[in-house]
PDB file of N, CA and C in Angstrom:
ATOM      1  N   MET A   1      42.433 265.851 139.720  1.00  0.00           N
ATOM      2  CA  MET A   1      42.462 264.500 139.230  1.00  0.00           C
ATOM      3  C   MET A   1      43.353 263.660 140.102  1.00  0.00           C
ATOM      4  N   ARG A   2      42.995 262.412 140.262  1.00  0.00           N
ATOM      5  CA  ARG A   2      43.733 261.503 141.120  1.00  0.00           C
ATOM      6  C   ARG A   2      44.720 260.678 140.312  1.00  0.00           C
ATOM      7  N   TRP A   3      46.005 260.896 140.592  1.00  0.00           N
ATOM      8  CA  TRP A   3      47.091 260.158 139.922  1.00  0.00           C
ATOM      9  C   TRP A   3      47.546 259.059 140.871  1.00  0.00           C
ATOM     10  N   THR A   4      47.378 257.796 140.474  1.00  0.00           N
ATOM     11  CA  THR A   4      47.818 256.720 141.312  1.00  0.00           C
ATOM     12  C   THR A   4      48.425 255.616 140.433  1.00  0.00           C
ATOM     13  N   VAL A   5      49.434 254.977 140.994  1.00  0.00           N
ATOM     14  CA  VAL A   5      50.014 253.780 140.419  1.00  0.00           C
ATOM     15  C   VAL A   5      50.255 252.752 141.511  1.00  0.00           C
ATOM     16  N   ASP A   6      50.183 251.508 141.148  1.00  0.00           N
ATOM     17  CA  ASP A   6      50.416 250.418 142.089  1.00  0.00           C
ATOM     18  C   ASP A   6      51.753 249.779 141.657  1.00  0.00           C
ATOM     19  N   HIS A   7      52.778 250.041 142.456  1.00  0.00           N
ATOM     20  CA  HIS A   7      54.098 249.507 142.110  1.00  0.00           C
ATOM     21  C   HIS A   7      54.159 247.978 142.190  1.00  0.00           C
ATOM     22  N   ALA A   8      53.229 247.375 142.889  1.00  0.00           N
ATOM     23  CA  ALA A   8      53.211 245.904 143.036  1.00  0.00           C
ATOM     24  C   ALA A   8      52.376 245.232 141.938  1.00  0.00           C
ATOM     25  N   SER A   9      51.688 246.026 141.130  1.00  0.00           N
ATOM     26  CA  SER A   9      50.814 245.461 140.068  1.00  0.00           C
ATOM     27  C   SER A   9      51.620 244.865 138.926  1.00  0.00           C
ATOM     28  N   ARG A  10      51.022 243.920 138.256  1.00  0.00           N
ATOM     29  CA  ARG A  10      51.655 243.328 137.055  1.00  0.00           C
ATOM     30  C   ARG A  10      51.494 244.285 135.872  1.00  0.00           C
ATOM     31  N   GLU A  11      50.565 245.216 135.965  1.00  0.00           N
ATOM     32  CA  GLU A  11      50.369 246.174 134.892  1.00  0.00           C
ATOM     33  C   GLU A  11      51.551 247.139 134.842  1.00  0.00           C
ATOM     34  N   LEU A  12      52.050 247.358 133.667  1.00  0.00           N
ATOM     35  CA  LEU A  12      53.215 248.259 133.523  1.00  0.00           C
ATOM     36  C   LEU A  12      52.859 249.662 133.995  1.00  0.00           C
ATOM     37  N   LEU A  13      53.857 250.307 134.610  1.00  0.00           N
ATOM     38  CA  LEU A  13      53.646 251.650 135.134  1.00  0.00           C
ATOM     39  C   LEU A  13      53.187 252.646 134.064  1.00  0.00           C
ATOM     40  N   PRO A  14      53.808 252.676 132.882  1.00  0.00           N
ATOM     41  CA  PRO A  14      53.298 253.594 131.855  1.00  0.00           C
ATOM     42  C   PRO A  14      51.809 253.368 131.509  1.00  0.00           C
ATOM     43  N   ASP A  15      51.402 252.089 131.505  1.00  0.00           N
ATOM     44  CA  ASP A  15      50.014 251.776 131.213  1.00  0.00           C
ATOM     45  C   ASP A  15      49.084 252.284 132.327  1.00  0.00           C
ATOM     46  N   GLN A  16      49.579 252.215 133.590  1.00  0.00           N
ATOM     47  CA  GLN A  16      48.781 252.714 134.706  1.00  0.00           C
ATOM     48  C   GLN A  16      48.620 254.215 134.621  1.00  0.00           C
ATOM     49  N   ILE A  17      49.692 254.902 134.282  1.00  0.00           N
ATOM     50  CA  ILE A  17      49.653 256.348 134.145  1.00  0.00           C
ATOM     51  C   ILE A  17      48.737 256.764 133.012  1.00  0.00           C
ATOM     52  N   ALA A  18      48.853 256.064 131.878  1.00  0.00           N
ATOM     53  CA  ALA A  18      47.963 256.362 130.720  1.00  0.00           C
ATOM     54  C   ALA A  18      46.514 256.159 131.123  1.00  0.00           C
ATOM     55  N   ALA A  19      46.242 255.104 131.876  1.00  0.00           N
ATOM     56  CA  ALA A  19      44.876 254.811 132.320  1.00  0.00           C
ATOM     57  C   ALA A  19      44.333 255.942 133.198  1.00  0.00           C
ATOM     58  N   CYS A  20      45.181 256.507 134.025  1.00  0.00           N
ATOM     59  CA  CYS A  20      44.767 257.673 134.830  1.00  0.00           C
ATOM     60  C   CYS A  20      44.277 258.832 133.963  1.00  0.00           C
ATOM     61  N   VAL A  21      45.062 259.106 132.902  1.00  0.00           N
ATOM     62  CA  VAL A  21      44.688 260.184 132.013  1.00  0.00           C
ATOM     63  C   VAL A  21      43.376 259.842 131.283  1.00  0.00           C
ATOM     64  N   ARG A  22      43.271 258.614 130.799  1.00  0.00           N
ATOM     65  CA  ARG A  22      42.034 258.209 130.106  1.00  0.00           C
ATOM     66  C   ARG A  22      40.825 258.348 130.976  1.00  0.00           C
ATOM     67  N   ARG A  23      40.967 257.906 132.259  1.00  0.00           N
ATOM     68  CA  ARG A  23      39.855 258.026 133.232  1.00  0.00           C
ATOM     69  C   ARG A  23      39.533 259.516 133.457  1.00  0.00           C
ATOM     70  N   GLY A  24      40.546 260.334 133.562  1.00  0.00           N
ATOM     71  CA  GLY A  24      40.334 261.781 133.771  1.00  0.00           C
ATOM     72  C   GLY A  24      39.573 262.420 132.633  1.00  0.00           C
ATOM     73  N   VAL A  25      39.911 262.034 131.386  1.00  0.00           N
ATOM     74  CA  VAL A  25      39.204 262.551 130.229  1.00  0.00           C
ATOM     75  C   VAL A  25      37.782 262.023 130.201  1.00  0.00           C
ATOM     76  N   ALA A  26      37.623 260.721 130.425  1.00  0.00           N
ATOM     77  CA  ALA A  26      36.284 260.114 130.369  1.00  0.00           C
ATOM     78  C   ALA A  26      35.367 260.688 131.427  1.00  0.00           C
ATOM     79  N   SER A  27      35.872 260.990 132.581  1.00  0.00           N
ATOM     80  CA  SER A  27      35.046 261.528 133.675  1.00  0.00           C
ATOM     81  C   SER A  27      34.832 263.046 133.575  1.00  0.00           C
ATOM     82  N   GLY A  28      35.562 263.691 132.679  1.00  0.00           N
ATOM     83  CA  GLY A  28      35.423 265.119 132.559  1.00  0.00           C
ATOM     84  C   GLY A  28      36.351 265.916 133.468  1.00  0.00           C
ATOM     85  N   GLU A  29      37.144 265.229 134.254  1.00  0.00           N
ATOM     86  CA  GLU A  29      38.086 265.921 135.121  1.00  0.00           C
ATOM     87  C   GLU A  29      39.196 266.602 134.324  1.00  0.00           C
ATOM     88  N   LEU A  30      39.490 266.041 133.157  1.00  0.00           N
ATOM     89  CA  LEU A  30      40.467 266.666 132.251  1.00  0.00           C
ATOM     90  C   LEU A  30      39.698 267.093 130.987  1.00  0.00           C
ATOM     91  N   ALA A  31      39.801 268.364 130.645  1.00  0.00           N
ATOM     92  CA  ALA A  31      39.122 268.896 129.476  1.00  0.00           C
ATOM     93  C   ALA A  31      40.068 269.071 128.328  1.00  0.00           C
ATOM     94  N   ILE A  32      39.510 269.159 127.133  1.00  0.00           N
ATOM     95  CA  ILE A  32      40.326 269.437 125.939  1.00  0.00           C
ATOM     96  C   ILE A  32      41.089 270.743 126.160  1.00  0.00           C
ATOM     97  N   GLY A  33      42.368 270.704 125.914  1.00  0.00           N
ATOM     98  CA  GLY A  33      43.248 271.869 126.056  1.00  0.00           C
ATOM     99  C   GLY A  33      43.873 271.970 127.404  1.00  0.00           C
ATOM    100  N   GLU A  34      43.420 271.158 128.389  1.00  0.00           N
ATOM    101  CA  GLU A  34      44.009 271.216 129.717  1.00  0.00           C
ATOM    102  C   GLU A  34      45.435 270.632 129.704  1.00  0.00           C
ATOM    103  N   GLN A  35      46.313 271.339 130.434  1.00  0.00           N
ATOM    104  CA  GLN A  35      47.675 270.924 130.506  1.00  0.00           C
ATOM    105  C   GLN A  35      47.898 269.867 131.574  1.00  0.00           C
ATOM    106  N   LEU A  36      48.707 268.835 131.235  1.00  0.00           N
ATOM    107  CA  LEU A  36      49.025 267.804 132.201  1.00  0.00           C
ATOM    108  C   LEU A  36      50.290 268.221 132.976  1.00  0.00           C
ATOM    109  N   PRO A  37      50.506 267.629 134.108  1.00  0.00           N
ATOM    110  CA  PRO A  37      51.715 267.987 134.904  1.00  0.00           C
ATOM    111  C   PRO A  37      52.979 267.670 134.089  1.00  0.00           C
ATOM    112  N   PRO A  38      54.025 268.442 134.255  1.00  0.00           N
ATOM    113  CA  PRO A  38      55.283 268.106 133.591  1.00  0.00           C
ATOM    114  C   PRO A  38      55.748 266.719 134.030  1.00  0.00           C
ATOM    115  N   ALA A  39      56.410 266.004 133.108  1.00  0.00           N
ATOM    116  CA  ALA A  39      56.794 264.599 133.366  1.00  0.00           C
ATOM    117  C   ALA A  39      57.660 264.484 134.618  1.00  0.00           C
ATOM    118  N   ALA A  40      58.592 265.390 134.812  1.00  0.00           N
ATOM    119  CA  ALA A  40      59.491 265.299 135.958  1.00  0.00           C
ATOM    120  C   ALA A  40      58.699 265.466 137.269  1.00  0.00           C
ATOM    121  N   GLU A  41      57.787 266.389 137.268  1.00  0.00           N
ATOM    122  CA  GLU A  41      56.969 266.668 138.486  1.00  0.00           C
ATOM    123  C   GLU A  41      56.071 265.479 138.805  1.00  0.00           C
ATOM    124  N   LEU A  42      55.396 264.933 137.795  1.00  0.00           N
ATOM    125  CA  LEU A  42      54.520 263.782 138.012  1.00  0.00           C
ATOM    126  C   LEU A  42      55.335 262.548 138.401  1.00  0.00           C
ATOM    127  N   ALA A  43      56.508 262.367 137.818  1.00  0.00           N
ATOM    128  CA  ALA A  43      57.352 261.227 138.165  1.00  0.00           C
ATOM    129  C   ALA A  43      57.741 261.300 139.653  1.00  0.00           C
ATOM    130  N   THR A  44      58.088 262.429 140.119  1.00  0.00           N
ATOM    131  CA  THR A  44      58.448 262.589 141.520  1.00  0.00           C
ATOM    132  C   THR A  44      57.235 262.275 142.430  1.00  0.00           C
ATOM    133  N   ALA A  45      56.063 262.788 142.062  1.00  0.00           N
ATOM    134  CA  ALA A  45      54.847 262.579 142.867  1.00  0.00           C
ATOM    135  C   ALA A  45      54.456 261.098 142.920  1.00  0.00           C
ATOM    136  N   LEU A  46      54.719 260.373 141.801  1.00  0.00           N
ATOM    137  CA  LEU A  46      54.333 258.959 141.739  1.00  0.00           C
ATOM    138  C   LEU A  46      55.483 258.017 142.107  1.00  0.00           C
ATOM    139  N   SER A  47      56.645 258.568 142.405  1.00  0.00           N
ATOM    140  CA  SER A  47      57.840 257.747 142.699  1.00  0.00           C
ATOM    141  C   SER A  47      58.195 256.812 141.554  1.00  0.00           C
ATOM    142  N   VAL A  48      58.206 257.381 140.349  1.00  0.00           N
ATOM    143  CA  VAL A  48      58.620 256.615 139.153  1.00  0.00           C
ATOM    144  C   VAL A  48      59.667 257.425 138.406  1.00  0.00           C
ATOM    145  N   ASP A  49      60.277 256.809 137.451  1.00  0.00           N
ATOM    146  CA  ASP A  49      61.271 257.502 136.640  1.00  0.00           C
ATOM    147  C   ASP A  49      60.562 258.457 135.656  1.00  0.00           C
ATOM    148  N   ARG A  50      61.190 259.561 135.352  1.00  0.00           N
ATOM    149  CA  ARG A  50      60.632 260.542 134.420  1.00  0.00           C
ATOM    150  C   ARG A  50      60.321 259.899 133.060  1.00  0.00           C
ATOM    151  N   ASN A  51      61.176 259.008 132.620  1.00  0.00           N
ATOM    152  CA  ASN A  51      60.970 258.317 131.345  1.00  0.00           C
ATOM    153  C   ASN A  51      59.726 257.457 131.340  1.00  0.00           C
ATOM    154  N   THR A  52      59.312 256.959 132.475  1.00  0.00           N
ATOM    155  CA  THR A  52      58.075 256.186 132.607  1.00  0.00           C
ATOM    156  C   THR A  52      56.873 257.061 132.297  1.00  0.00           C
ATOM    157  N   VAL A  53      56.883 258.259 132.807  1.00  0.00           N
ATOM    158  CA  VAL A  53      55.803 259.219 132.537  1.00  0.00           C
ATOM    159  C   VAL A  53      55.851 259.607 131.074  1.00  0.00           C
ATOM    160  N   LEU A  54      57.023 259.873 130.569  1.00  0.00           N
ATOM    161  CA  LEU A  54      57.152 260.261 129.155  1.00  0.00           C
ATOM    162  C   LEU A  54      56.661 259.160 128.235  1.00  0.00           C
ATOM    163  N   THR A  55      56.928 257.915 128.587  1.00  0.00           N
ATOM    164  CA  THR A  55      56.431 256.772 127.774  1.00  0.00           C
ATOM    165  C   THR A  55      54.903 256.779 127.767  1.00  0.00           C
ATOM    166  N   ALA A  56      54.270 256.991 128.893  1.00  0.00           N
ATOM    167  CA  ALA A  56      52.829 257.050 128.957  1.00  0.00           C
ATOM    168  C   ALA A  56      52.294 258.201 128.116  1.00  0.00           C
ATOM    169  N   TYR A  57      52.888 259.386 128.289  1.00  0.00           N
ATOM    170  CA  TYR A  57      52.456 260.557 127.517  1.00  0.00           C
ATOM    171  C   TYR A  57      52.615 260.317 126.020  1.00  0.00           C
ATOM    172  N   ARG A  58      53.721 259.687 125.609  1.00  0.00           N
ATOM    173  CA  ARG A  58      53.924 259.431 124.162  1.00  0.00           C
ATOM    174  C   ARG A  58      52.874 258.496 123.606  1.00  0.00           C
ATOM    175  N   ARG A  59      52.536 257.448 124.390  1.00  0.00           N
ATOM    176  CA  ARG A  59      51.522 256.512 123.948  1.00  0.00           C
ATOM    177  C   ARG A  59      50.172 257.225 123.775  1.00  0.00           C
ATOM    178  N   LEU A  60      49.859 258.088 124.696  1.00  0.00           N
ATOM    179  CA  LEU A  60      48.612 258.844 124.611  1.00  0.00           C
ATOM    180  C   LEU A  60      48.649 259.814 123.430  1.00  0.00           C
ATOM    181  N   ARG A  61      49.787 260.374 123.148  1.00  0.00           N
ATOM    182  CA  ARG A  61      49.934 261.245 121.979  1.00  0.00           C
ATOM    183  C   ARG A  61      49.730 260.402 120.742  1.00  0.00           C
ATOM    184  N   ASP A  62      50.332 259.243 120.665  1.00  0.00           N
ATOM    185  CA  ASP A  62      50.192 258.365 119.470  1.00  0.00           C
ATOM    186  C   ASP A  62      48.750 257.917 119.264  1.00  0.00           C
ATOM    187  N   ASP A  63      47.992 257.840 120.370  1.00  0.00           N
ATOM    188  CA  ASP A  63      46.572 257.446 120.282  1.00  0.00           C
ATOM    189  C   ASP A  63      45.691 258.686 120.004  1.00  0.00           C
ATOM    190  N   GLY A  64      46.285 259.892 119.921  1.00  0.00           N
ATOM    191  CA  GLY A  64      45.532 261.073 119.601  1.00  0.00           C
ATOM    192  C   GLY A  64      44.860 261.754 120.790  1.00  0.00           C
ATOM    193  N   LEU A  65      45.175 261.272 121.966  1.00  0.00           N
ATOM    194  CA  LEU A  65      44.553 261.832 123.160  1.00  0.00           C
ATOM    195  C   LEU A  65      45.306 263.064 123.689  1.00  0.00           C
ATOM    196  N   LEU A  66      46.614 263.115 123.499  1.00  0.00           N
ATOM    197  CA  LEU A  66      47.432 264.255 123.910  1.00  0.00           C
ATOM    198  C   LEU A  66      48.133 264.859 122.752  1.00  0.00           C
ATOM    199  N   GLU A  67      48.532 266.120 122.943  1.00  0.00           N
ATOM    200  CA  GLU A  67      49.384 266.783 121.992  1.00  0.00           C
ATOM    201  C   GLU A  67      50.526 267.435 122.771  1.00  0.00           C
ATOM    202  N   PHE A  68      51.684 267.491 122.143  1.00  0.00           N
ATOM    203  CA  PHE A  68      52.826 268.136 122.766  1.00  0.00           C
ATOM    204  C   PHE A  68      53.105 269.442 122.032  1.00  0.00           C
ATOM    205  N   ARG A  69      53.351 270.468 122.813  1.00  0.00           N
ATOM    206  CA  ARG A  69      53.719 271.762 122.227  1.00  0.00           C
ATOM    207  C   ARG A  69      55.010 272.193 122.871  1.00  0.00           C
ATOM    208  N   ARG A  70      55.971 272.527 122.051  1.00  0.00           N
ATOM    209  CA  ARG A  70      57.278 272.956 122.544  1.00  0.00           C
ATOM    210  C   ARG A  70      57.126 274.108 123.529  1.00  0.00           C
ATOM    211  N   GLY A  71      57.685 273.900 124.712  1.00  0.00           N
ATOM    212  CA  GLY A  71      57.640 274.920 125.733  1.00  0.00           C
ATOM    213  C   GLY A  71      56.335 274.984 126.488  1.00  0.00           C
ATOM    214  N   ARG A  72      55.317 274.218 126.097  1.00  0.00           N
ATOM    215  CA  ARG A  72      54.014 274.277 126.764  1.00  0.00           C
ATOM    216  C   ARG A  72      53.583 272.935 127.368  1.00  0.00           C
ATOM    217  N   GLY A  73      54.379 271.905 127.136  1.00  0.00           N
ATOM    218  CA  GLY A  73      54.117 270.594 127.728  1.00  0.00           C
ATOM    219  C   GLY A  73      53.021 269.813 126.991  1.00  0.00           C
ATOM    220  N   ALA A  74      52.452 268.861 127.700  1.00  0.00           N
ATOM    221  CA  ALA A  74      51.428 267.991 127.153  1.00  0.00           C
ATOM    222  C   ALA A  74      50.046 268.502 127.499  1.00  0.00           C
ATOM    223  N   ARG A  75      49.159 268.501 126.525  1.00  0.00           N
ATOM    224  CA  ARG A  75      47.801 268.955 126.712  1.00  0.00           C
ATOM    225  C   ARG A  75      46.821 267.907 126.156  1.00  0.00           C
ATOM    226  N   VAL A  76      45.617 267.902 126.686  1.00  0.00           N
ATOM    227  CA  VAL A  76      44.591 266.998 126.204  1.00  0.00           C
ATOM    228  C   VAL A  76      44.176 267.505 124.819  1.00  0.00           C
ATOM    229  N   ALA A  77      44.267 266.613 123.841  1.00  0.00           N
ATOM    230  CA  ALA A  77      43.944 266.989 122.462  1.00  0.00           C
ATOM    231  C   ALA A  77      42.546 266.602 122.022  1.00  0.00           C
ATOM    232  N   SER A  78      42.021 265.503 122.621  1.00  0.00           N
ATOM    233  CA  SER A  78      40.690 265.087 122.225  1.00  0.00           C
ATOM    234  C   SER A  78      40.010 264.419 123.403  1.00  0.00           C
ATOM    235  N   ALA A  79      38.722 264.233 123.297  1.00  0.00           N
ATOM    236  CA  ALA A  79      37.952 263.649 124.355  1.00  0.00           C
ATOM    237  C   ALA A  79      37.529 262.223 124.017  1.00  0.00           C
ATOM    238  N   VAL A  80      38.395 261.476 123.351  1.00  0.00           N
ATOM    239  CA  VAL A  80      38.090 260.065 123.064  1.00  0.00           C
ATOM    240  C   VAL A  80      38.027 259.379 124.402  1.00  0.00           C
ATOM    241  N   THR A  81      36.870 258.760 124.720  1.00  0.00           N
ATOM    242  CA  THR A  81      36.683 258.254 126.044  1.00  0.00           C
ATOM    243  C   THR A  81      36.934 256.747 126.201  1.00  0.00           C
ATOM    244  N   GLU A  82      36.871 255.993 125.101  1.00  0.00           N
ATOM    245  CA  GLU A  82      37.185 254.589 125.236  1.00  0.00           C
ATOM    246  C   GLU A  82      37.816 254.095 123.944  1.00  0.00           C
ATOM    247  N   PRO A  83      38.770 253.143 124.082  1.00  0.00           N
ATOM    248  CA  PRO A  83      39.375 252.597 122.873  1.00  0.00           C
ATOM    249  C   PRO A  83      38.310 251.887 122.055  1.00  0.00           C
ATOM    250  N   THR A  84      38.344 252.038 120.751  1.00  0.00           N
ATOM    251  CA  THR A  84      37.361 251.450 119.855  1.00  0.00           C
ATOM    252  C   THR A  84      37.245 249.933 120.045  1.00  0.00           C
ATOM    253  N   PRO A  85      38.335 249.164 120.103  1.00  0.00           N
ATOM    254  CA  PRO A  85      38.201 247.716 120.264  1.00  0.00           C
ATOM    255  C   PRO A  85      37.454 247.343 121.564  1.00  0.00           C
ATOM    256  N   VAL A  86      37.674 248.128 122.591  1.00  0.00           N
ATOM    257  CA  VAL A  86      37.012 247.859 123.889  1.00  0.00           C
ATOM    258  C   VAL A  86      35.503 248.127 123.740  1.00  0.00           C
ATOM    259  N   ALA A  87      35.161 249.233 123.117  1.00  0.00           N
ATOM    260  CA  ALA A  87      33.742 249.557 122.920  1.00  0.00           C
ATOM    261  C   ALA A  87      33.066 248.499 122.066  1.00  0.00           C
ATOM    262  N   GLU A  88      33.735 248.032 121.005  1.00  0.00           N
ATOM    263  CA  GLU A  88      33.147 247.003 120.175  1.00  0.00           C
ATOM    264  C   GLU A  88      32.955 245.710 120.942  1.00  0.00           C
ATOM    265  N   ALA A  89      33.961 245.344 121.738  1.00  0.00           N
ATOM    266  CA  ALA A  89      33.868 244.098 122.523  1.00  0.00           C
ATOM    267  C   ALA A  89      32.715 244.208 123.543  1.00  0.00           C
ATOM    268  N   ALA A  90      32.575 245.392 124.150  1.00  0.00           N
ATOM    269  CA  ALA A  90      31.495 245.610 125.133  1.00  0.00           C
ATOM    270  C   ALA A  90      30.120 245.487 124.447  1.00  0.00           C
ATOM    271  N   ARG A  91      30.003 246.047 123.246  1.00  0.00           N
ATOM    272  CA  ARG A  91      28.717 245.916 122.528  1.00  0.00           C
ATOM    273  C   ARG A  91      28.393 244.476 122.237  1.00  0.00           C
ATOM    274  N   THR A  92      29.422 243.704 121.818  1.00  0.00           N
ATOM    275  CA  THR A  92      29.241 242.290 121.535  1.00  0.00           C
ATOM    276  C   THR A  92      28.845 241.539 122.807  1.00  0.00           C
ATOM    277  N   LEU A  93      29.526 241.848 123.908  1.00  0.00           N
ATOM    278  CA  LEU A  93      29.198 241.197 125.191  1.00  0.00           C
ATOM    279  C   LEU A  93      27.768 241.454 125.582  1.00  0.00           C
ATOM    280  N   VAL A  94      27.300 242.691 125.454  1.00  0.00           N
ATOM    281  CA  VAL A  94      25.936 243.052 125.821  1.00  0.00           C
ATOM    282  C   VAL A  94      24.925 242.311 124.936  1.00  0.00           C
ATOM    283  N   ALA A  95      25.248 242.224 123.635  1.00  0.00           N
ATOM    284  CA  ALA A  95      24.349 241.527 122.709  1.00  0.00           C
ATOM    285  C   ALA A  95      24.236 240.046 123.055  1.00  0.00           C
ATOM    286  N   VAL A  96      25.363 239.409 123.325  1.00  0.00           N
ATOM    287  CA  VAL A  96      25.381 237.986 123.675  1.00  0.00           C
ATOM    288  C   VAL A  96      24.670 237.756 125.016  1.00  0.00           C
ATOM    289  N   ALA A  97      24.884 238.631 125.945  1.00  0.00           N
ATOM    290  CA  ALA A  97      24.216 238.510 127.256  1.00  0.00           C
ATOM    291  C   ALA A  97      22.704 238.586 127.073  1.00  0.00           C
ATOM    292  N   ARG A  98      22.238 239.523 126.224  1.00  0.00           N
ATOM    293  CA  ARG A  98      20.795 239.646 125.999  1.00  0.00           C
ATOM    294  C   ARG A  98      20.238 238.381 125.381  1.00  0.00           C
ATOM    295  N   GLU A  99      20.983 237.792 124.404  1.00  0.00           N
ATOM    296  CA  GLU A  99      20.556 236.568 123.763  1.00  0.00           C
ATOM    297  C   GLU A  99      20.350 235.443 124.754  1.00  0.00           C
ATOM    298  N   HIS A 100      21.131 235.464 125.821  1.00  0.00           N
ATOM    299  CA  HIS A 100      21.101 234.411 126.813  1.00  0.00           C
ATOM    300  C   HIS A 100      20.250 234.787 128.053  1.00  0.00           C
ATOM    301  N   GLY A 101      19.546 235.883 127.917  1.00  0.00           N
ATOM    302  CA  GLY A 101      18.605 236.269 128.970  1.00  0.00           C
ATOM    303  C   GLY A 101      19.211 236.921 130.202  1.00  0.00           C
ATOM    304  N   LEU A 102      20.472 237.347 130.137  1.00  0.00           N
ATOM    305  CA  LEU A 102      21.079 238.011 131.280  1.00  0.00           C
ATOM    306  C   LEU A 102      20.631 239.463 131.366  1.00  0.00           C
ATOM    307  N   THR A 103      20.392 239.889 132.585  1.00  0.00           N
ATOM    308  CA  THR A 103      19.998 241.278 132.825  1.00  0.00           C
ATOM    309  C   THR A 103      21.280 242.141 132.984  1.00  0.00           C
ATOM    310  N   ARG A 104      21.075 243.425 133.049  1.00  0.00           N
ATOM    311  CA  ARG A 104      22.185 244.347 133.253  1.00  0.00           C
ATOM    312  C   ARG A 104      22.917 244.009 134.563  1.00  0.00           C
ATOM    313  N   ALA A 105      22.108 243.764 135.599  1.00  0.00           N
ATOM    314  CA  ALA A 105      22.687 243.413 136.910  1.00  0.00           C
ATOM    315  C   ALA A 105      23.493 242.113 136.854  1.00  0.00           C
ATOM    316  N   ASP A 106      22.987 241.137 136.090  1.00  0.00           N
ATOM    317  CA  ASP A 106      23.724 239.850 135.940  1.00  0.00           C
ATOM    318  C   ASP A 106      25.069 240.125 135.278  1.00  0.00           C
ATOM    319  N   LEU A 107      25.036 240.928 134.228  1.00  0.00           N
ATOM    320  CA  LEU A 107      26.243 241.212 133.475  1.00  0.00           C
ATOM    321  C   LEU A 107      27.254 241.971 134.347  1.00  0.00           C
ATOM    322  N   LEU A 108      26.791 242.934 135.132  1.00  0.00           N
ATOM    323  CA  LEU A 108      27.671 243.702 135.991  1.00  0.00           C
ATOM    324  C   LEU A 108      28.304 242.790 137.086  1.00  0.00           C
ATOM    325  N   ARG A 109      27.512 241.857 137.623  1.00  0.00           N
ATOM    326  CA  ARG A 109      28.056 240.913 138.599  1.00  0.00           C
ATOM    327  C   ARG A 109      29.134 240.042 137.966  1.00  0.00           C
ATOM    328  N   LEU A 110      28.869 239.586 136.740  1.00  0.00           N
ATOM    329  CA  LEU A 110      29.849 238.767 136.023  1.00  0.00           C
ATOM    330  C   LEU A 110      31.165 239.529 135.810  1.00  0.00           C
ATOM    331  N   ILE A 111      31.054 240.754 135.379  1.00  0.00           N
ATOM    332  CA  ILE A 111      32.253 241.591 135.147  1.00  0.00           C
ATOM    333  C   ILE A 111      32.981 241.810 136.454  1.00  0.00           C
ATOM    334  N   ALA A 112      32.265 242.126 137.502  1.00  0.00           N
ATOM    335  CA  ALA A 112      32.883 242.342 138.810  1.00  0.00           C
ATOM    336  C   ALA A 112      33.633 241.091 139.271  1.00  0.00           C
ATOM    337  N   LYS A 113      33.069 239.955 139.009  1.00  0.00           N
ATOM    338  CA  LYS A 113      33.697 238.681 139.428  1.00  0.00           C
ATOM    339  C   LYS A 113      35.005 238.431 138.635  1.00  0.00           C
ATOM    340  N   LEU A 114      35.014 238.876 137.378  1.00  0.00           N
ATOM    341  CA  LEU A 114      36.162 238.624 136.496  1.00  0.00           C
ATOM    342  C   LEU A 114      37.270 239.611 136.680  1.00  0.00           C
ATOM    343  N   THR A 115      36.982 240.752 137.294  1.00  0.00           N
ATOM    344  CA  THR A 115      38.032 241.778 137.441  1.00  0.00           C
ATOM    345  C   THR A 115      38.579 241.825 138.832  1.00  0.00           C
TER     346      THR A 115
END
């Protein structure tokens, strides 16, 4: 799995790390039960503070994506692939786009332009 953070980004580092895990789970690179790197090791690899990684891991645990086991580290607990509010917003966007005659390609171009 590819762990990357952009230190110049406005997005908070813990959010970037959490996004890496979410992408890994969504793509199948991380499976349920798979162990994540220890916080100190990942922090060194990403040139961030250990607490930054722990903050990301805790948020993912609170969202039900990770579980912590004493002496065993953080493991993937579920394969939730997208946050529910995002999925609902995407469904609404697709429905509105269809009502206005936009094709899938039109919608993808619009999203690409906005991101």
